Amino acid sequence: MILGISSTLEPVTFDVIQGVRRTFDLDLNPMLLPEGIPKETRLPGCFDAFEMCCRAILGQQITVKAATTLSGRIAQSYGDLAKTPWAAIDRHFPTPEKVRMLGEKAEDETMVYDGFGKLGVIRSRSFTIFSIAKGLDSGHLQLSRGSDVEKLKAQLMKIKGVGAWTAEYVSMRALSWPDAFPVSDLGVKHALMDRLKDVSGKPLKDAQDLSKYKLNKIYEKAADDFAADYKPWRSYLTIYLWNSLAES
């Protein structure tokens, strides 16, 4: 693969190279991946951790295509202009400071600046994005490689609208953390149900006599036990499980 960089990016060439390396996970030594995870598996990173965080919020309970549309509208409406050779790529994603300023008078989700509402973003998610932007702009939250991941996940889950799935996904994609495991993810669950068994050795996929609540509890315990064998590479296990669904 050959990386081409325009002359306008020469002042930030090093940052671009580092961003590309994170995005394509080029620093991984694939021989370190445990048996059971294909050596070609990579953990996609990102250039903009705040944008990735917003994508995770916007992607809750909607399709990837819909989340992509919403994030594109936010960038188009509030992002600064960017000069590029491609007409369709003409905006930067708004910074945490910009988003904080849009909603700085909000005290709760009933008062939050609702400029995202006209773009199709529901009010509660607008408030969650604003809260994260406020935390990042103040320095309370640190979304950078080398951050204390467990501390960050705990801080994120104190924000209304951020649950365990989002916190795990953000640590995996925005921080390139190799050991995240979003156990409640539906894709992960679908990929694992054929592999997991209950305490009696019965395949979970055949446990039709259990309530949905009890089955979920048994699943999460079995999935966590299964994934424990892949520490500290559970993010790669997650990517592999997602890929296995696409292949099947």
C-alpha atoms as a PDB file:
ATOM      1  CA  MET A   1       0.000   0.000   0.000  1.00  0.00           C
ATOM      2  CA  ILE A   2       1.317   3.434  -0.970  1.00  0.00           C
ATOM      3  CA  LEU A   3       0.226   6.494   1.013  1.00  0.00           C
ATOM      4  CA  GLY A   4      -0.185   9.702  -0.973  1.00  0.00           C
ATOM      5  CA  ILE A   5      -0.337  13.021   0.904  1.00  0.00           C
ATOM      6  CA  SER A   6      -1.310  16.328  -0.707  1.00  0.00           C
ATOM      7  CA  SER A   7       1.029  19.318  -0.438  1.00  0.00           C
ATOM      8  CA  THR A   8      -1.462  21.143   1.784  1.00  0.00           C
ATOM      9  CA  LEU A   9      -0.956  18.448   4.448  1.00  0.00           C
ATOM     10  CA  GLU A  10       2.840  18.679   4.495  1.00  0.00           C
ATOM     11  CA  PRO A  11       2.893  20.622   7.811  1.00  0.00           C
ATOM     12  CA  VAL A  12       1.061  17.723   9.507  1.00  0.00           C
ATOM     13  CA  THR A  13       2.616  14.826   7.600  1.00  0.00           C
ATOM     14  CA  PHE A  14       3.638  13.003  10.791  1.00  0.00           C
ATOM     15  CA  ASP A  15       0.114  13.277  12.220  1.00  0.00           C
ATOM     16  CA  VAL A  16      -1.365  11.949   8.983  1.00  0.00           C
ATOM     17  CA  ILE A  17       1.005   8.978   8.961  1.00  0.00           C
ATOM     18  CA  GLN A  18       0.201   8.182  12.592  1.00  0.00           C
ATOM     19  CA  GLY A  19      -3.513   8.468  11.866  1.00  0.00           C
ATOM     20  CA  VAL A  20      -3.232   6.082   8.929  1.00  0.00           C
ATOM     21  CA  ARG A  21      -1.269   3.606  11.036  1.00  0.00           C
ATOM     22  CA  ARG A  22      -3.995   3.674  13.711  1.00  0.00           C
ATOM     23  CA  THR A  23      -6.829   3.488  11.217  1.00  0.00           C
ATOM     24  CA  PHE A  24      -5.426   0.406   9.491  1.00  0.00           C
ATOM     25  CA  ASP A  25      -3.798  -1.077  12.615  1.00  0.00           C
ATOM     26  CA  LEU A  26      -0.410  -1.222  10.890  1.00  0.00           C
ATOM     27  CA  ASP A  27       1.583  -1.505  14.116  1.00  0.00           C
ATOM     28  CA  LEU A  28       0.094  -4.873  15.049  1.00  0.00           C
ATOM     29  CA  ASN A  29       2.371  -7.892  15.154  1.00  0.00           C
ATOM     30  CA  PRO A  30      -0.178 -10.486  13.945  1.00  0.00           C
ATOM     31  CA  MET A  31       1.879 -13.348  15.358  1.00  0.00           C
ATOM     32  CA  LEU A  32       0.825 -12.179  18.832  1.00  0.00           C
ATOM     33  CA  LEU A  33      -2.853 -12.899  18.153  1.00  0.00           C
ATOM     34  CA  PRO A  34      -4.013 -16.013  20.015  1.00  0.00           C
ATOM     35  CA  GLU A  35      -4.997 -19.218  18.278  1.00  0.00           C
ATOM     36  CA  GLY A  36      -8.554 -18.993  17.023  1.00  0.00           C
ATOM     37  CA  ILE A  37      -8.251 -15.443  15.697  1.00  0.00           C
ATOM     38  CA  PRO A  38      -7.104 -15.260  12.045  1.00  0.00           C
ATOM     39  CA  LYS A  39      -3.759 -13.500  11.655  1.00  0.00           C
ATOM     40  CA  GLU A  40      -5.230 -11.134   9.061  1.00  0.00           C
ATOM     41  CA  THR A  41      -7.686  -9.681  11.615  1.00  0.00           C
ATOM     42  CA  ARG A  42      -7.179  -5.976  12.229  1.00  0.00           C
ATOM     43  CA  LEU A  43      -8.724  -3.516  14.674  1.00  0.00           C
ATOM     44  CA  PRO A  44      -9.853  -0.428  12.713  1.00  0.00           C
ATOM     45  CA  GLY A  45      -8.931   2.812  14.433  1.00  0.00           C
ATOM     46  CA  CYS A  46      -9.819   6.401  13.598  1.00  0.00           C
ATOM     47  CA  PHE A  47      -8.424   9.856  12.912  1.00  0.00           C
ATOM     48  CA  ASP A  48     -10.853  11.742  15.161  1.00  0.00           C
ATOM     49  CA  ALA A  49     -11.732  10.149  18.501  1.00  0.00           C
ATOM     50  CA  PHE A  50     -14.599  12.577  19.176  1.00  0.00           C
ATOM     51  CA  GLU A  51     -16.152  11.847  15.787  1.00  0.00           C
ATOM     52  CA  MET A  52     -15.886   8.109  16.472  1.00  0.00           C
ATOM     53  CA  CYS A  53     -17.504   8.639  19.863  1.00  0.00           C
ATOM     54  CA  CYS A  54     -20.378  10.542  18.236  1.00  0.00           C
ATOM     55  CA  ARG A  55     -20.760   7.762  15.667  1.00  0.00           C
ATOM     56  CA  ALA A  56     -21.111   5.259  18.507  1.00  0.00           C
ATOM     57  CA  ILE A  57     -23.863   7.372  20.111  1.00  0.00           C
ATOM     58  CA  LEU A  58     -25.662   7.970  16.832  1.00  0.00           C
ATOM     59  CA  GLY A  59     -25.458   4.269  15.976  1.00  0.00           C
ATOM     60  CA  GLN A  60     -27.419   3.113  19.006  1.00  0.00           C
ATOM     61  CA  GLN A  61     -30.398   1.029  17.860  1.00  0.00           C
ATOM     62  CA  ILE A  62     -30.251   2.192  14.236  1.00  0.00           C
ATOM     63  CA  THR A  63     -28.494   0.885  11.136  1.00  0.00           C
ATOM     64  CA  VAL A  64     -24.923   1.756  10.198  1.00  0.00           C
ATOM     65  CA  LYS A  65     -26.237   3.493   7.078  1.00  0.00           C
ATOM     66  CA  ALA A  66     -28.599   5.686   9.116  1.00  0.00           C
ATOM     67  CA  ALA A  67     -25.843   6.588  11.599  1.00  0.00           C
ATOM     68  CA  THR A  68     -23.541   7.500   8.704  1.00  0.00           C
ATOM     69  CA  THR A  69     -26.238   9.779   7.288  1.00  0.00           C
ATOM     70  CA  LEU A  70     -26.744  11.552  10.627  1.00  0.00           C
ATOM     71  CA  SER A  71     -23.037  12.087  11.271  1.00  0.00           C
ATOM     72  CA  GLY A  72     -22.677  13.428   7.721  1.00  0.00           C
ATOM     73  CA  ARG A  73     -25.450  15.938   8.358  1.00  0.00           C
ATOM     74  CA  ILE A  74     -23.746  17.112  11.555  1.00  0.00           C
ATOM     75  CA  ALA A  75     -20.451  17.586   9.727  1.00  0.00           C
ATOM     76  CA  GLN A  76     -22.144  19.396   6.837  1.00  0.00           C
ATOM     77  CA  SER A  77     -24.111  21.712   9.129  1.00  0.00           C
ATOM     78  CA  TYR A  78     -21.525  22.507  11.805  1.00  0.00           C
ATOM     79  CA  GLY A  79     -18.100  21.398  10.558  1.00  0.00           C
ATOM     80  CA  ASP A  80     -15.508  23.799   9.190  1.00  0.00           C
ATOM     81  CA  LEU A  81     -14.827  23.797   5.458  1.00  0.00           C
ATOM     82  CA  ALA A  82     -12.024  21.560   4.201  1.00  0.00           C
ATOM     83  CA  LYS A  83     -10.251  21.925   0.889  1.00  0.00           C
ATOM     84  CA  THR A  84      -9.841  18.496  -0.703  1.00  0.00           C
ATOM     85  CA  PRO A  85      -9.599  17.070  -4.235  1.00  0.00           C
ATOM     86  CA  TRP A  86     -12.972  15.351  -3.668  1.00  0.00           C
ATOM     87  CA  ALA A  87     -16.200  17.340  -3.908  1.00  0.00           C
ATOM     88  CA  ALA A  88     -18.031  15.003  -1.526  1.00  0.00           C
ATOM     89  CA  ILE A  89     -15.418  15.499   1.216  1.00  0.00           C
ATOM     90  CA  ASP A  90     -15.523  19.168   2.119  1.00  0.00           C
ATOM     91  CA  ARG A  91     -16.028  19.340   5.873  1.00  0.00           C
ATOM     92  CA  HIS A  92     -14.208  18.608   9.099  1.00  0.00           C
ATOM     93  CA  PHE A  93     -16.282  17.024  11.838  1.00  0.00           C
ATOM     94  CA  PRO A  94     -17.072  19.708  14.467  1.00  0.00           C
ATOM     95  CA  THR A  95     -14.700  19.824  17.432  1.00  0.00           C
ATOM     96  CA  PRO A  96     -15.781  19.182  21.031  1.00  0.00           C
ATOM     97  CA  GLU A  97     -15.410  22.927  21.648  1.00  0.00           C
ATOM     98  CA  LYS A  98     -17.770  23.764  18.780  1.00  0.00           C
ATOM     99  CA  VAL A  99     -20.408  21.291  19.967  1.00  0.00           C
ATOM    100  CA  ARG A 100     -20.056  22.485  23.572  1.00  0.00           C
ATOM    101  CA  MET A 101     -20.663  26.055  22.471  1.00  0.00           C
ATOM    102  CA  LEU A 102     -23.798  24.960  20.623  1.00  0.00           C
ATOM    103  CA  GLY A 103     -25.289  23.534  23.805  1.00  0.00           C
ATOM    104  CA  GLU A 104     -23.500  25.354  26.613  1.00  0.00           C
ATOM    105  CA  LYS A 105     -26.732  26.691  28.157  1.00  0.00           C
ATOM    106  CA  ALA A 106     -28.246  23.227  28.527  1.00  0.00           C
ATOM    107  CA  GLU A 107     -28.528  21.798  32.020  1.00  0.00           C
ATOM    108  CA  ASP A 108     -30.425  18.612  31.211  1.00  0.00           C
ATOM    109  CA  GLU A 109     -31.905  16.786  28.250  1.00  0.00           C
ATOM    110  CA  THR A 110     -35.117  18.838  28.396  1.00  0.00           C
ATOM    111  CA  MET A 111     -33.175  22.069  27.812  1.00  0.00           C
ATOM    112  CA  VAL A 112     -30.416  20.883  25.490  1.00  0.00           C
ATOM    113  CA  TYR A 113     -29.720  22.866  22.349  1.00  0.00           C
ATOM    114  CA  ASP A 114     -31.743  21.004  19.733  1.00  0.00           C
ATOM    115  CA  GLY A 115     -29.956  22.088  16.576  1.00  0.00           C
ATOM    116  CA  PHE A 116     -29.284  18.421  15.855  1.00  0.00           C
ATOM    117  CA  GLY A 117     -33.037  17.777  15.986  1.00  0.00           C
ATOM    118  CA  LYS A 118     -33.618  19.286  12.571  1.00  0.00           C
ATOM    119  CA  LEU A 119     -30.974  16.859  11.295  1.00  0.00           C
ATOM    120  CA  GLY A 120     -32.912  13.862  12.592  1.00  0.00           C
ATOM    121  CA  VAL A 121     -31.040  13.283  15.865  1.00  0.00           C
ATOM    122  CA  ILE A 122     -33.336  12.658  18.816  1.00  0.00           C
ATOM    123  CA  ARG A 123     -33.030  15.043  21.774  1.00  0.00           C
ATOM    124  CA  SER A 124     -31.633  12.484  24.234  1.00  0.00           C
ATOM    125  CA  ARG A 125     -28.752  11.613  21.900  1.00  0.00           C
ATOM    126  CA  SER A 126     -28.083  15.288  21.245  1.00  0.00           C
ATOM    127  CA  PHE A 127     -27.703  15.729  24.998  1.00  0.00           C
ATOM    128  CA  THR A 128     -25.358  12.716  25.251  1.00  0.00           C
ATOM    129  CA  ILE A 129     -23.147  14.085  22.462  1.00  0.00           C
ATOM    130  CA  PHE A 130     -23.147  17.513  24.105  1.00  0.00           C
ATOM    131  CA  SER A 131     -22.191  15.991  27.478  1.00  0.00           C
ATOM    132  CA  ILE A 132     -19.240  14.133  25.952  1.00  0.00           C
ATOM    133  CA  ALA A 133     -18.146  17.267  24.076  1.00  0.00           C
ATOM    134  CA  LYS A 134     -18.288  19.243  27.317  1.00  0.00           C
ATOM    135  CA  GLY A 135     -16.207  16.617  29.138  1.00  0.00           C
ATOM    136  CA  LEU A 136     -13.578  16.538  26.399  1.00  0.00           C
ATOM    137  CA  ASP A 137     -13.392  20.311  26.043  1.00  0.00           C
ATOM    138  CA  SER A 138     -12.915  20.745  29.793  1.00  0.00           C
ATOM    139  CA  GLY A 139     -10.273  18.015  29.945  1.00  0.00           C
ATOM    140  CA  HIS A 140     -12.387  15.873  32.283  1.00  0.00           C
ATOM    141  CA  LEU A 141     -12.515  13.154  29.628  1.00  0.00           C
ATOM    142  CA  GLN A 142      -9.401  11.972  27.795  1.00  0.00           C
ATOM    143  CA  LEU A 143      -9.977  10.167  24.508  1.00  0.00           C
ATOM    144  CA  SER A 144      -6.425   9.377  23.522  1.00  0.00           C
ATOM    145  CA  ARG A 145      -4.217   6.313  23.288  1.00  0.00           C
ATOM    146  CA  GLY A 146      -2.505   5.806  26.614  1.00  0.00           C
ATOM    147  CA  SER A 147      -5.535   6.980  28.599  1.00  0.00           C
ATOM    148  CA  ASP A 148      -6.673   4.954  31.605  1.00  0.00           C
ATOM    149  CA  VAL A 149      -9.259   2.848  29.782  1.00  0.00           C
ATOM    150  CA  GLU A 150     -11.111   1.541  32.842  1.00  0.00           C
ATOM    151  CA  LYS A 151     -11.350   5.060  34.264  1.00  0.00           C
ATOM    152  CA  LEU A 152     -12.608   6.381  30.934  1.00  0.00           C
ATOM    153  CA  LYS A 153     -15.260   3.672  30.611  1.00  0.00           C
ATOM    154  CA  ALA A 154     -16.478   4.423  34.147  1.00  0.00           C
ATOM    155  CA  GLN A 155     -16.631   8.150  33.343  1.00  0.00           C
ATOM    156  CA  LEU A 156     -18.494   7.549  30.104  1.00  0.00           C
ATOM    157  CA  MET A 157     -21.092   5.331  31.757  1.00  0.00           C
ATOM    158  CA  LYS A 158     -21.921   8.132  34.191  1.00  0.00           C
ATOM    159  CA  ILE A 159     -23.187  10.130  31.211  1.00  0.00           C
ATOM    160  CA  LYS A 160     -26.869   9.633  30.499  1.00  0.00           C
ATOM    161  CA  GLY A 161     -27.227   7.713  27.246  1.00  0.00           C
ATOM    162  CA  VAL A 162     -23.924   5.839  27.511  1.00  0.00           C
ATOM    163  CA  GLY A 163     -24.095   2.191  28.509  1.00  0.00           C
ATOM    164  CA  ALA A 164     -21.600  -0.639  28.658  1.00  0.00           C
ATOM    165  CA  TRP A 165     -21.826  -1.363  24.910  1.00  0.00           C
ATOM    166  CA  THR A 166     -21.002   2.214  23.939  1.00  0.00           C
ATOM    167  CA  ALA A 167     -18.162   2.464  26.463  1.00  0.00           C
ATOM    168  CA  GLU A 168     -16.604  -0.761  25.172  1.00  0.00           C
ATOM    169  CA  TYR A 169     -17.036   0.275  21.540  1.00  0.00           C
ATOM    170  CA  VAL A 170     -15.477   3.698  22.137  1.00  0.00           C
ATOM    171  CA  SER A 171     -12.475   2.186  23.917  1.00  0.00           C
ATOM    172  CA  MET A 172     -12.031  -0.291  21.069  1.00  0.00           C
ATOM    173  CA  ARG A 173     -12.386   2.089  18.126  1.00  0.00           C
ATOM    174  CA  ALA A 174     -11.452   5.539  19.458  1.00  0.00           C
ATOM    175  CA  LEU A 175      -8.575   4.426  21.709  1.00  0.00           C
ATOM    176  CA  SER A 176      -7.508   1.349  19.701  1.00  0.00           C
ATOM    177  CA  TRP A 177      -7.763  -0.625  22.957  1.00  0.00           C
ATOM    178  CA  PRO A 178      -7.035  -4.283  22.120  1.00  0.00           C
ATOM    179  CA  ASP A 179      -9.006  -5.852  24.969  1.00  0.00           C
ATOM    180  CA  ALA A 180     -12.549  -4.470  24.723  1.00  0.00           C
ATOM    181  CA  PHE A 181     -15.455  -6.915  24.637  1.00  0.00           C
ATOM    182  CA  PRO A 182     -19.009  -5.592  24.077  1.00  0.00           C
ATOM    183  CA  VAL A 183     -20.697  -8.735  25.351  1.00  0.00           C
ATOM    184  CA  SER A 184     -24.221  -7.357  24.795  1.00  0.00           C
ATOM    185  CA  ASP A 185     -23.605  -6.581  21.116  1.00  0.00           C
ATOM    186  CA  LEU A 186     -26.187  -8.384  18.985  1.00  0.00           C
ATOM    187  CA  GLY A 187     -23.629  -9.351  16.346  1.00  0.00           C
ATOM    188  CA  VAL A 188     -21.326 -10.851  18.959  1.00  0.00           C
ATOM    189  CA  LYS A 189     -24.281 -12.691  20.482  1.00  0.00           C
ATOM    190  CA  HIS A 190     -25.410 -14.138  17.138  1.00  0.00           C
ATOM    191  CA  ALA A 191     -21.872 -15.274  16.343  1.00  0.00           C
ATOM    192  CA  LEU A 192     -21.405 -16.937  19.735  1.00  0.00           C
ATOM    193  CA  MET A 193     -24.737 -18.681  20.281  1.00  0.00           C
ATOM    194  CA  ASP A 194     -23.667 -21.720  18.237  1.00  0.00           C
ATOM    195  CA  ARG A 195     -20.462 -21.996  20.271  1.00  0.00           C
ATOM    196  CA  LEU A 196     -21.701 -21.555  23.842  1.00  0.00           C
ATOM    197  CA  LYS A 197     -23.203 -24.053  26.270  1.00  0.00           C
ATOM    198  CA  ASP A 198     -24.941 -23.716  29.632  1.00  0.00           C
ATOM    199  CA  VAL A 199     -23.611 -25.234  32.860  1.00  0.00           C
ATOM    200  CA  SER A 200     -25.178 -28.604  31.970  1.00  0.00           C
ATOM    201  CA  GLY A 201     -23.396 -28.684  28.620  1.00  0.00           C
ATOM    202  CA  LYS A 202     -26.546 -27.972  26.637  1.00  0.00           C
ATOM    203  CA  PRO A 203     -26.040 -25.644  23.624  1.00  0.00           C
ATOM    204  CA  LEU A 204     -27.490 -22.217  24.404  1.00  0.00           C
ATOM    205  CA  LYS A 205     -29.121 -22.011  20.988  1.00  0.00           C
ATOM    206  CA  ASP A 206     -31.346 -24.946  22.034  1.00  0.00           C
ATOM    207  CA  ALA A 207     -32.398 -23.403  25.366  1.00  0.00           C
ATOM    208  CA  GLN A 208     -35.885 -22.406  24.212  1.00  0.00           C
ATOM    209  CA  ASP A 209     -37.513 -23.155  27.590  1.00  0.00           C
ATOM    210  CA  LEU A 210     -35.810 -20.233  29.377  1.00  0.00           C
ATOM    211  CA  SER A 211     -37.155 -16.720  29.751  1.00  0.00           C
ATOM    212  CA  LYS A 212     -35.442 -14.044  27.670  1.00  0.00           C
ATOM    213  CA  TYR A 213     -34.039 -12.443  30.843  1.00  0.00           C
ATOM    214  CA  LYS A 214     -32.587 -15.694  32.194  1.00  0.00           C
ATOM    215  CA  LEU A 215     -31.199 -16.707  28.806  1.00  0.00           C
ATOM    216  CA  ASN A 216     -29.450 -13.340  28.493  1.00  0.00           C
ATOM    217  CA  LYS A 217     -27.899 -13.731  31.924  1.00  0.00           C
ATOM    218  CA  ILE A 218     -26.647 -17.234  31.117  1.00  0.00           C
ATOM    219  CA  TYR A 219     -25.390 -16.023  27.741  1.00  0.00           C
ATOM    220  CA  GLU A 220     -23.426 -13.097  29.196  1.00  0.00           C
ATOM    221  CA  LYS A 221     -21.720 -15.336  31.771  1.00  0.00           C
ATOM    222  CA  ALA A 222     -20.884 -17.973  29.141  1.00  0.00           C
ATOM    223  CA  ALA A 223     -19.699 -15.331  26.640  1.00  0.00           C
ATOM    224  CA  ASP A 224     -17.461 -13.631  29.205  1.00  0.00           C
ATOM    225  CA  ASP A 225     -15.959 -17.001  30.150  1.00  0.00           C
ATOM    226  CA  PHE A 226     -15.395 -17.833  26.476  1.00  0.00           C
ATOM    227  CA  ALA A 227     -13.777 -14.461  25.759  1.00  0.00           C
ATOM    228  CA  ALA A 228     -11.523 -14.670  28.833  1.00  0.00           C
ATOM    229  CA  ASP A 229      -9.316 -17.139  26.959  1.00  0.00           C
ATOM    230  CA  TYR A 230      -8.527 -14.387  24.438  1.00  0.00           C
ATOM    231  CA  LYS A 231      -7.328 -11.722  26.887  1.00  0.00           C
ATOM    232  CA  PRO A 232      -5.758  -9.233  26.212  1.00  0.00           C
ATOM    233  CA  TRP A 233      -6.955  -9.463  22.586  1.00  0.00           C
ATOM    234  CA  ARG A 234     -10.733  -9.451  22.992  1.00  0.00           C
ATOM    235  CA  SER A 235     -11.196  -6.495  20.620  1.00  0.00           C
ATOM    236  CA  TYR A 236      -9.727  -8.672  17.888  1.00  0.00           C
ATOM    237  CA  LEU A 237     -12.022 -11.500  18.935  1.00  0.00           C
ATOM    238  CA  THR A 238     -14.950  -9.097  18.547  1.00  0.00           C
ATOM    239  CA  ILE A 239     -13.827  -8.048  15.057  1.00  0.00           C
ATOM    240  CA  TYR A 240     -13.371 -11.699  14.104  1.00  0.00           C
ATOM    241  CA  LEU A 241     -16.885 -12.558  15.325  1.00  0.00           C
ATOM    242  CA  TRP A 242     -18.378  -9.684  13.345  1.00  0.00           C
ATOM    243  CA  ASN A 243     -16.436 -10.746  10.270  1.00  0.00           C
ATOM    244  CA  SER A 244     -17.654 -14.325  10.673  1.00  0.00           C
ATOM    245  CA  LEU A 245     -21.247 -13.111  10.385  1.00  0.00           C
ATOM    246  CA  ALA A 246     -20.466 -11.269   7.160  1.00  0.00           C
ATOM    247  CA  GLU A 247     -18.780 -14.353   5.735  1.00  0.00           C
ATOM    248  CA  SER A 248     -21.695 -16.587   6.621  1.00  0.00           C
END
